[in-house]
Amino acid sequence: MKIGFALPVSGSWATPENVAVVAARAEELGYSSLWTFQRLLSPVDGAWGENYRSVTDPLVTLGYVAALTSRVRLGVAVVNLPFVSPVLLAKQATTVDLLSGGRLDLGLGLGWSDEEYVASNASKKGQARRGEEFVAVLKTLWTDGPVEHAGEFYRIPPAEFEPKAVQRPHPPILLGGTAEPALRRAGRIADGWVSSSRADLLRIGDSIRTVMGAAEEAGRDPQRLRFVCRGVVKVRDDGERAPLTGTLDQIRSDFDMIAEAGVTELFVDLNFDPEIGSPSADPAVSRDRAEAVLTALAP
């Protein structure tokens, strides 16, 4: 199981300096990947939690990090596809792939926030079909020339889409989602699946088996799929214990359980710890805590 690390993107520690320090240190320590996530806004009552109150753009952050690194892969988990057009996202993702020399992993989801749907003028009507067509359009843009598409949700008149991404035939597409239809969709059309921040890590193997079963039914080789786990890590020395919550030694011991469930890649994410990924947290303290975690959990 490969080990990655989430960049500072949520709360007060999401500064250019901290992003640069974490990216460089993670690459130096041998982490395989660096990750971001998307949140467009948050409710005024703070009901979603501290980690969603202030979040930087995921692809812009990866473009910045592309210039600061040379080896580590750059992933987003996830961009919510109903909020953007496939042509725009294809252009943004292609640019990050070019700037990084072919290191982008593109995670996609359908989104869950009603507020973000309204603010983006998006519709939940037919969202599953929309998701499948969106992925198909991305692949067309990345592989065909000239491009033309006329579907239920998207239209592209005859046009050229250049430049193409470095990775061929296209950057890996990872789909999120927790419901069975979403898991099966990942198995049918994606290069892998990425878990959510709320995934039950004691049962993540069930989700992986669902994805693999759908891939096999679709005539695909399930062994070629990637299974990426967002590891919400909370370092606690007060006796609090749960998967990836506890002392650094206890957290490290959980890695074997996660690997045995079928996860191929785990990335350590401190943004979802309210003591770190909050606008009210001390950014210097958060960076010091991240340095300790980076060192202790390095591959």
Protein backbone atom coordinates (compact mmCIF):
# COMPACT_ATOMS: atom_id res chain seq x y z
CA MET A 1 0.00 0.00 0.00
CA LYS A 2 1.39 3.37 -1.05
CA ILE A 3 1.30 6.24 1.44
CA GLY A 4 0.46 9.83 0.50
CA PHE A 5 -0.17 13.05 2.40
CA ALA A 6 -2.83 15.78 2.15
CA LEU A 7 -1.65 19.33 1.57
CA PRO A 8 -2.75 22.16 3.90
CA VAL A 9 -5.93 23.34 2.18
CA SER A 10 -8.39 23.90 5.04
CA GLY A 11 -8.31 26.52 7.76
CA SER A 12 -5.58 28.86 8.94
CA TRP A 13 -2.67 26.55 8.12
CA ALA A 14 -3.49 26.64 4.38
CA THR A 15 -0.84 29.27 3.62
CA PRO A 16 1.54 29.33 0.63
CA GLU A 17 4.47 28.81 3.00
CA ASN A 18 2.91 25.80 4.71
CA VAL A 19 1.88 24.24 1.39
CA ALA A 20 5.46 24.60 0.15
CA VAL A 21 6.97 23.18 3.35
CA VAL A 22 4.63 20.19 3.50
CA ALA A 23 5.03 19.41 -0.21
CA ALA A 24 8.83 19.52 -0.07
CA ARG A 25 9.04 17.52 3.15
CA ALA A 26 6.62 14.85 1.91
CA GLU A 27 8.61 14.40 -1.29
CA GLU A 28 11.86 14.26 0.68
CA LEU A 29 10.46 11.55 2.99
CA GLY A 30 9.28 9.37 0.10
CA TYR A 31 5.52 9.88 0.21
CA SER A 32 3.95 8.76 -3.07
CA SER A 33 1.33 11.48 -3.48
CA LEU A 34 -0.06 14.83 -2.30
CA TRP A 35 -3.80 15.52 -2.15
CA THR A 36 -6.37 18.32 -2.07
CA PHE A 37 -10.18 18.50 -1.85
CA GLN A 38 -12.89 20.89 -2.99
CA ARG A 39 -15.35 23.00 -1.00
CA LEU A 40 -16.90 26.08 -2.59
CA LEU A 41 -18.65 27.61 0.42
CA SER A 42 -20.01 26.78 3.87
CA PRO A 43 -23.23 27.63 5.73
CA VAL A 44 -23.22 30.61 8.05
CA ASP A 45 -24.22 28.46 11.02
CA GLY A 46 -21.05 26.35 10.68
CA ALA A 47 -23.11 23.16 10.60
CA TRP A 48 -20.66 21.35 8.31
CA GLY A 49 -17.79 21.66 10.77
CA GLU A 50 -14.58 23.62 11.13
CA ASN A 51 -12.73 21.94 8.26
CA TYR A 52 -15.20 23.23 5.64
CA ARG A 53 -15.23 26.90 6.70
CA SER A 54 -12.21 28.01 4.66
CA VAL A 55 -10.90 25.83 1.81
CA THR A 56 -8.58 26.79 -1.04
CA ASP A 57 -9.15 25.70 -4.65
CA PRO A 58 -7.83 22.16 -5.22
CA LEU A 59 -6.52 22.44 -8.79
CA VAL A 60 -4.94 25.87 -8.35
CA THR A 61 -3.14 24.49 -5.30
CA LEU A 62 -1.88 21.49 -7.28
CA GLY A 63 -0.64 23.80 -10.05
CA TYR A 64 1.37 25.70 -7.43
CA VAL A 65 2.76 22.48 -5.97
CA ALA A 66 3.66 21.17 -9.43
CA ALA A 67 6.34 23.87 -9.56
CA LEU A 68 7.68 22.95 -6.13
CA THR A 69 8.05 19.19 -6.61
CA SER A 70 9.45 16.81 -9.19
CA ARG A 71 8.46 13.24 -8.32
CA VAL A 72 5.42 12.98 -6.05
CA ARG A 73 2.00 12.49 -7.67
CA LEU A 74 -0.64 15.21 -7.30
CA GLY A 75 -4.23 14.21 -6.58
CA VAL A 76 -7.58 15.86 -5.95
CA ALA A 77 -10.24 13.99 -4.00
CA VAL A 78 -12.55 15.22 -5.32
CA VAL A 79 -13.79 17.87 -7.79
CA ASN A 80 -17.59 17.91 -7.81
CA LEU A 81 -18.37 17.64 -11.49
CA PRO A 82 -21.89 19.17 -11.53
CA PHE A 83 -20.36 22.55 -10.60
CA VAL A 84 -18.17 22.86 -13.72
CA SER A 85 -18.31 22.07 -17.42
CA PRO A 86 -16.29 19.07 -18.65
CA VAL A 87 -14.44 21.28 -21.16
CA LEU A 88 -13.31 23.67 -18.43
CA LEU A 89 -12.25 20.88 -16.09
CA ALA A 90 -10.45 19.06 -18.90
CA LYS A 91 -8.47 22.23 -19.66
CA GLN A 92 -7.60 22.80 -15.99
CA ALA A 93 -6.63 19.17 -15.40
CA THR A 94 -4.59 19.03 -18.60
CA THR A 95 -2.69 22.13 -17.53
CA VAL A 96 -1.85 20.65 -14.12
CA ASP A 97 -0.76 17.44 -15.81
CA LEU A 98 1.49 19.40 -18.19
CA LEU A 99 2.96 21.60 -15.45
CA SER A 100 3.71 18.54 -13.31
CA GLY A 101 5.16 16.42 -16.10
CA GLY A 102 2.31 13.90 -16.00
CA ARG A 103 1.64 13.48 -12.28
CA LEU A 104 -2.08 14.30 -11.90
CA ASP A 105 -4.71 11.97 -10.42
CA LEU A 106 -8.19 13.40 -10.98
CA GLY A 107 -10.86 12.43 -8.46
CA LEU A 108 -14.47 13.24 -9.33
CA GLY A 109 -17.68 13.26 -7.32
CA LEU A 110 -21.30 14.32 -7.66
CA GLY A 111 -21.35 16.58 -4.61
CA TRP A 112 -23.77 16.56 -1.68
CA SER A 113 -24.25 20.21 -0.70
CA ASP A 114 -27.60 21.74 -1.68
CA GLU A 115 -26.11 25.18 -1.10
CA GLU A 116 -23.28 24.56 -3.56
CA TYR A 117 -25.71 23.17 -6.13
CA VAL A 118 -27.78 26.37 -5.91
CA ALA A 119 -24.75 28.66 -5.98
CA SER A 120 -23.38 26.82 -9.05
CA ASN A 121 -26.73 26.83 -10.86
CA ALA A 122 -26.50 23.04 -11.01
CA SER A 123 -29.26 20.45 -10.94
CA LYS A 124 -29.47 17.09 -9.21
CA LYS A 125 -31.86 15.83 -11.87
CA GLY A 126 -30.33 12.81 -13.59
CA GLN A 127 -27.08 13.28 -11.69
CA ALA A 128 -25.94 9.67 -12.15
CA ARG A 129 -26.39 9.85 -15.93
CA ARG A 130 -24.75 13.27 -15.91
CA GLY A 131 -21.74 11.82 -14.09
CA GLU A 132 -21.28 9.04 -16.61
CA GLU A 133 -21.59 11.42 -19.55
CA PHE A 134 -19.16 13.86 -17.93
CA VAL A 135 -16.50 11.15 -17.68
CA ALA A 136 -17.14 10.13 -21.28
CA VAL A 137 -16.70 13.74 -22.44
CA LEU A 138 -13.42 14.07 -20.54
CA LYS A 139 -12.07 10.95 -22.19
CA THR A 140 -13.18 12.19 -25.62
CA LEU A 141 -11.50 15.56 -25.09
CA TRP A 142 -8.28 13.89 -23.98
CA THR A 143 -8.07 11.26 -26.71
CA ASP A 144 -9.86 12.44 -29.86
CA GLY A 145 -9.18 15.16 -32.39
CA PRO A 146 -11.18 16.88 -33.63
CA VAL A 147 -13.78 16.58 -30.86
CA GLU A 148 -17.55 16.51 -31.19
CA HIS A 149 -20.18 15.48 -28.66
CA ALA A 150 -23.96 15.67 -28.50
CA GLY A 151 -25.41 14.07 -25.39
CA GLU A 152 -28.22 14.43 -22.87
CA PHE A 153 -26.38 16.99 -20.75
CA TYR A 154 -23.40 18.27 -22.73
CA ARG A 155 -22.79 19.46 -26.28
CA ILE A 156 -19.47 20.23 -27.95
CA PRO A 157 -19.50 21.48 -31.54
CA PRO A 158 -16.73 20.20 -33.83
CA ALA A 159 -13.54 21.59 -32.34
CA GLU A 160 -9.93 20.92 -31.50
CA PHE A 161 -8.92 20.43 -27.88
CA GLU A 162 -5.24 21.12 -27.41
CA PRO A 163 -2.84 20.60 -25.79
CA LYS A 164 -3.35 17.02 -24.67
CA ALA A 165 -2.30 15.77 -21.25
CA VAL A 166 1.09 14.16 -20.75
CA GLN A 167 -0.36 10.92 -19.39
CA ARG A 168 -1.77 8.68 -22.06
CA PRO A 169 -4.46 7.93 -22.86
CA HIS A 170 -5.43 10.42 -20.12
CA PRO A 171 -4.82 11.25 -16.44
CA PRO A 172 -6.26 8.57 -14.14
CA ILE A 173 -9.88 9.19 -13.20
CA LEU A 174 -10.93 8.15 -9.70
CA LEU A 175 -14.59 8.30 -8.72
CA GLY A 176 -15.86 8.97 -5.22
CA GLY A 177 -19.20 7.98 -3.73
CA THR A 178 -20.49 5.70 -1.00
CA ALA A 179 -23.84 4.39 -2.26
CA GLU A 180 -23.83 1.11 -4.16
CA PRO A 181 -24.72 2.69 -7.55
CA ALA A 182 -21.77 5.08 -7.18
CA LEU A 183 -19.43 2.24 -6.25
CA ARG A 184 -20.58 0.19 -9.21
CA ARG A 185 -20.15 3.17 -11.53
CA ALA A 186 -16.53 3.48 -10.41
CA GLY A 187 -15.98 -0.17 -11.25
CA ARG A 188 -17.52 0.21 -14.71
CA ILE A 189 -15.96 3.42 -16.02
CA ALA A 190 -13.13 4.71 -13.79
CA ASP A 191 -9.51 3.87 -13.08
CA GLY A 192 -10.30 3.50 -9.41
CA TRP A 193 -12.26 4.63 -6.39
CA VAL A 194 -11.49 7.13 -3.63
CA SER A 195 -13.17 7.00 -0.23
CA SER A 196 -14.76 9.94 1.56
CA SER A 197 -13.68 11.59 4.80
CA ARG A 198 -16.54 9.83 6.59
CA ALA A 199 -15.81 6.31 5.37
CA ASP A 200 -16.06 3.52 7.94
CA LEU A 201 -12.53 2.13 7.72
CA LEU A 202 -13.63 -1.07 9.45
CA ARG A 203 -15.93 -1.78 6.49
CA ILE A 204 -14.06 -0.20 3.60
CA GLY A 205 -13.36 -3.67 2.23
CA ASP A 206 -17.08 -4.08 1.49
CA SER A 207 -17.01 -1.00 -0.75
CA ILE A 208 -13.89 -2.23 -2.52
CA ARG A 209 -15.47 -5.60 -3.23
CA THR A 210 -18.53 -3.88 -4.72
CA VAL A 211 -16.34 -1.83 -7.05
CA MET A 212 -14.34 -4.89 -8.08
CA GLY A 213 -17.47 -6.92 -8.72
CA ALA A 214 -18.89 -4.26 -11.01
CA ALA A 215 -15.60 -4.05 -12.90
CA GLU A 216 -15.57 -7.80 -13.45
CA GLU A 217 -19.18 -7.76 -14.67
CA ALA A 218 -18.20 -5.03 -17.15
CA GLY A 219 -15.41 -7.20 -18.54
CA ARG A 220 -12.65 -5.18 -16.89
CA ASP A 221 -9.75 -6.48 -14.82
CA PRO A 222 -10.52 -5.47 -11.21
CA GLN A 223 -6.89 -6.02 -10.24
CA ARG A 224 -5.91 -3.02 -12.38
CA LEU A 225 -8.08 -0.63 -10.38
CA ARG A 226 -6.74 1.72 -7.71
CA PHE A 227 -8.39 2.00 -4.30
CA VAL A 228 -7.47 5.23 -2.56
CA CYS A 229 -8.37 5.84 1.09
CA ARG A 230 -8.55 9.32 2.55
CA GLY A 231 -7.04 8.63 5.96
CA VAL A 232 -8.52 11.17 8.37
CA VAL A 233 -5.78 11.21 10.98
CA LYS A 234 -6.24 12.68 14.46
CA VAL A 235 -3.25 12.41 16.76
CA ARG A 236 -4.43 12.13 20.36
CA ASP A 237 -2.52 11.23 23.51
CA ASP A 238 -5.54 11.35 25.84
CA GLY A 239 -6.74 7.79 25.25
CA GLU A 240 -9.15 8.57 22.41
CA ARG A 241 -9.01 5.64 20.00
CA ALA A 242 -10.56 4.84 16.62
CA PRO A 243 -9.11 3.83 13.26
CA LEU A 244 -6.37 6.40 12.49
CA THR A 245 -7.11 8.23 15.77
CA GLY A 246 -4.79 7.83 18.75
CA THR A 247 -1.06 8.00 19.30
CA LEU A 248 1.26 8.02 16.31
CA ASP A 249 2.28 4.42 17.04
CA GLN A 250 -1.37 3.34 17.20
CA ILE A 251 -2.16 5.17 13.96
CA ARG A 252 0.77 3.53 12.19
CA SER A 253 -0.44 0.12 13.41
CA ASP A 254 -3.80 0.74 11.68
CA PHE A 255 -2.13 0.85 8.27
CA ASP A 256 -1.92 -2.95 8.05
CA MET A 257 -5.67 -3.33 8.67
CA ILE A 258 -6.43 -0.83 5.92
CA ALA A 259 -4.06 -2.54 3.47
CA GLU A 260 -5.59 -5.94 4.21
CA ALA A 261 -9.02 -4.55 3.26
CA GLY A 262 -7.77 -4.03 -0.29
CA VAL A 263 -6.73 -0.37 -0.20
CA THR A 264 -3.87 0.25 -2.63
CA GLU A 265 -3.13 3.84 -1.54
CA LEU A 266 -3.72 5.64 1.74
CA PHE A 267 -3.14 9.34 2.16
CA VAL A 268 -2.82 10.90 5.60
CA ASP A 269 -5.16 13.89 5.91
CA LEU A 270 -4.87 16.33 8.82
CA ASN A 271 -7.31 18.85 7.33
CA PHE A 272 -10.25 17.03 8.91
CA ASP A 273 -8.83 17.28 12.42
CA PRO A 274 -10.70 20.29 13.93
CA GLU A 275 -7.58 21.08 15.95
CA ILE A 276 -5.70 21.69 12.67
CA GLY A 277 -8.05 22.35 9.72
CA SER A 278 -9.85 25.26 11.38
CA PRO A 279 -9.63 29.02 10.72
CA SER A 280 -9.14 29.52 14.47
CA ALA A 281 -6.18 27.12 14.81
CA ASP A 282 -2.64 28.47 15.19
CA PRO A 283 -1.03 27.88 11.76
CA ALA A 284 2.47 27.57 13.21
CA VAL A 285 1.35 24.95 15.71
CA SER A 286 -0.50 23.08 12.95
CA ARG A 287 2.62 23.01 10.79
CA ASP A 288 4.72 21.70 13.69
CA ARG A 289 2.17 18.95 14.32
CA ALA A 290 2.18 18.12 10.60
CA GLU A 291 5.97 17.84 10.64
CA ALA A 292 5.77 15.31 13.48
CA VAL A 293 3.15 13.27 11.59
CA LEU A 294 5.06 13.45 8.31
CA THR A 295 8.16 12.08 9.99
CA ALA A 296 6.46 9.40 12.09
CA LEU A 297 4.25 7.99 9.33
CA ALA A 298 6.69 8.27 6.43
CA PRO A 299 6.80 5.26 4.10
